[in-house]
Amino acid sequence: MAVEVSLIVGAKLWERPRRKAEREQVMLFNVATALTMTIGVSVFYLAVFLLALAAAFLLLDGHSFQQLSDQSWSIGKIVESAWMTASLATLGGAVGAGLEEDDITRAAAYTRESDEG
């Protein structure tokens, strides 16, 4: 949730109505923005988690894991490691997005590429 809020606030994606007549439309825009960010961050978080989990199972054996972490290898420890990796990667992505120019972030959030080249 904090990642979505930081992306929305940092890129100034939250709209404010200029007139009373715009309130309902602006509210719909804001709800759509919040849902889009939540779905997007959640999907990418899950993808990074699954990739980290697959990499951990493929690349770490019990001996290597114990040497690296001073803990015995277990499925729970591998899942925990993948969870931490995905969480740090998501936070890093949010920090990186915060360093982008607002116009670039707005364009990524609100425009779509056409199929015409």
Protein backbone atom coordinates (compact mmCIF):
# COMPACT_ATOMS: atom_id res chain seq x y z
CA MET A 1 0.00 0.00 0.00
CA ALA A 2 2.81 2.41 0.84
CA VAL A 3 4.43 1.81 -2.54
CA GLU A 4 1.22 2.70 -4.38
CA VAL A 5 0.72 5.83 -2.29
CA SER A 6 4.30 6.96 -2.84
CA LEU A 7 3.96 6.44 -6.59
CA ILE A 8 0.66 8.33 -6.75
CA VAL A 9 1.79 11.21 -4.52
CA GLY A 10 5.31 11.38 -5.92
CA ALA A 11 4.15 11.65 -9.54
CA LYS A 12 1.24 13.92 -8.63
CA LEU A 13 -1.28 11.48 -10.10
CA TRP A 14 -4.00 12.39 -7.59
CA GLU A 15 -6.42 14.84 -9.19
CA ARG A 16 -8.33 17.63 -7.43
CA PRO A 17 -11.58 18.99 -8.80
CA ARG A 18 -11.44 22.58 -9.95
CA ARG A 19 -15.23 22.98 -9.88
CA LYS A 20 -18.05 21.24 -8.02
CA ALA A 21 -19.36 19.81 -11.28
CA GLU A 22 -16.08 17.89 -11.76
CA ARG A 23 -16.11 16.15 -8.36
CA GLU A 24 -17.70 12.90 -9.48
CA GLN A 25 -15.51 12.55 -12.56
CA VAL A 26 -12.34 13.38 -10.64
CA MET A 27 -13.31 10.87 -7.95
CA LEU A 28 -13.66 8.19 -10.66
CA PHE A 29 -10.24 9.13 -12.08
CA ASN A 30 -8.68 8.85 -8.61
CA VAL A 31 -10.32 5.49 -7.91
CA ALA A 32 -9.14 4.22 -11.30
CA THR A 33 -5.62 5.48 -10.61
CA ALA A 34 -5.51 3.82 -7.18
CA LEU A 35 -6.84 0.52 -8.54
CA THR A 36 -4.46 0.59 -11.49
CA MET A 37 -1.47 1.22 -9.25
CA THR A 38 -2.56 -1.45 -6.75
CA ILE A 39 -3.10 -4.06 -9.45
CA GLY A 40 0.12 -3.14 -11.25
CA VAL A 41 2.32 -3.20 -8.16
CA SER A 42 0.69 -6.43 -6.93
CA VAL A 43 1.16 -8.23 -10.25
CA PHE A 44 4.78 -7.17 -10.57
CA TYR A 45 5.45 -8.04 -6.92
CA LEU A 46 4.02 -11.51 -7.46
CA ALA A 47 6.06 -11.96 -10.63
CA VAL A 48 9.30 -10.94 -8.89
CA PHE A 49 8.46 -13.18 -5.93
CA LEU A 50 7.86 -16.20 -8.18
CA LEU A 51 11.04 -15.55 -10.17
CA ALA A 52 13.08 -15.18 -6.97
CA LEU A 53 11.52 -18.35 -5.58
CA ALA A 54 12.29 -20.30 -8.76
CA ALA A 55 15.85 -18.96 -8.81
CA ALA A 56 16.37 -19.87 -5.17
CA PHE A 57 15.18 -23.44 -5.69
CA LEU A 58 17.24 -23.83 -8.86
CA LEU A 59 20.45 -22.21 -7.67
CA LEU A 60 20.72 -22.90 -3.95
CA ASP A 61 21.40 -26.27 -2.48
CA GLY A 62 21.41 -27.03 1.23
CA HIS A 63 25.17 -26.65 1.66
CA SER A 64 25.37 -23.33 -0.23
CA PHE A 65 22.38 -21.92 1.62
CA GLN A 66 23.89 -22.84 4.98
CA GLN A 67 27.22 -21.24 4.04
CA LEU A 68 25.55 -18.02 2.91
CA SER A 69 23.06 -17.63 5.76
CA ASP A 70 24.36 -19.70 8.68
CA GLN A 71 20.92 -21.37 8.77
CA SER A 72 19.84 -24.81 7.72
CA TRP A 73 18.07 -25.14 4.35
CA SER A 74 14.30 -25.47 4.52
CA ILE A 75 11.41 -24.63 2.23
CA GLY A 76 10.28 -21.96 4.70
CA LYS A 77 13.69 -20.28 4.64
CA ILE A 78 13.75 -20.31 0.82
CA VAL A 79 10.26 -18.78 0.66
CA GLU A 80 11.28 -16.19 3.25
CA SER A 81 14.37 -15.34 1.21
CA ALA A 82 12.30 -14.94 -1.98
CA TRP A 83 9.77 -12.80 -0.10
CA MET A 84 12.53 -10.50 1.19
CA THR A 85 14.06 -10.26 -2.29
CA ALA A 86 10.71 -9.36 -3.88
CA SER A 87 9.96 -6.79 -1.18
CA LEU A 88 13.33 -5.08 -1.53
CA ALA A 89 13.05 -5.10 -5.33
CA THR A 90 9.59 -3.52 -5.14
CA LEU A 91 10.80 -0.81 -2.77
CA GLY A 92 13.79 -0.20 -5.02
CA GLY A 93 11.48 0.12 -8.01
CA ALA A 94 9.34 2.65 -6.16
CA VAL A 95 12.42 4.69 -5.25
CA GLY A 96 13.57 4.56 -8.87
CA ALA A 97 10.14 5.65 -10.09
CA GLY A 98 10.25 8.51 -7.61
CA LEU A 99 13.43 9.75 -9.27
CA GLU A 100 11.78 9.86 -12.70
CA GLU A 101 10.31 13.06 -14.02
CA ASP A 102 6.60 13.46 -13.26
CA ASP A 103 5.70 13.76 -16.95
CA ILE A 104 7.29 10.40 -17.74
CA THR A 105 5.45 8.69 -14.88
CA ARG A 106 2.15 10.32 -15.87
CA ALA A 107 2.61 9.22 -19.48
CA ALA A 108 3.34 5.65 -18.35
CA ALA A 109 0.25 5.63 -16.15
CA TYR A 110 -2.22 7.32 -18.47
CA THR A 111 -1.26 6.64 -22.07
CA ARG A 112 -1.14 3.53 -24.12
CA GLU A 113 1.00 2.79 -27.12
CA SER A 114 -0.81 2.50 -30.38
CA ASP A 115 -0.37 -0.52 -32.62
CA GLU A 116 0.52 1.75 -35.52
CA GLY A 117 4.21 2.25 -36.02
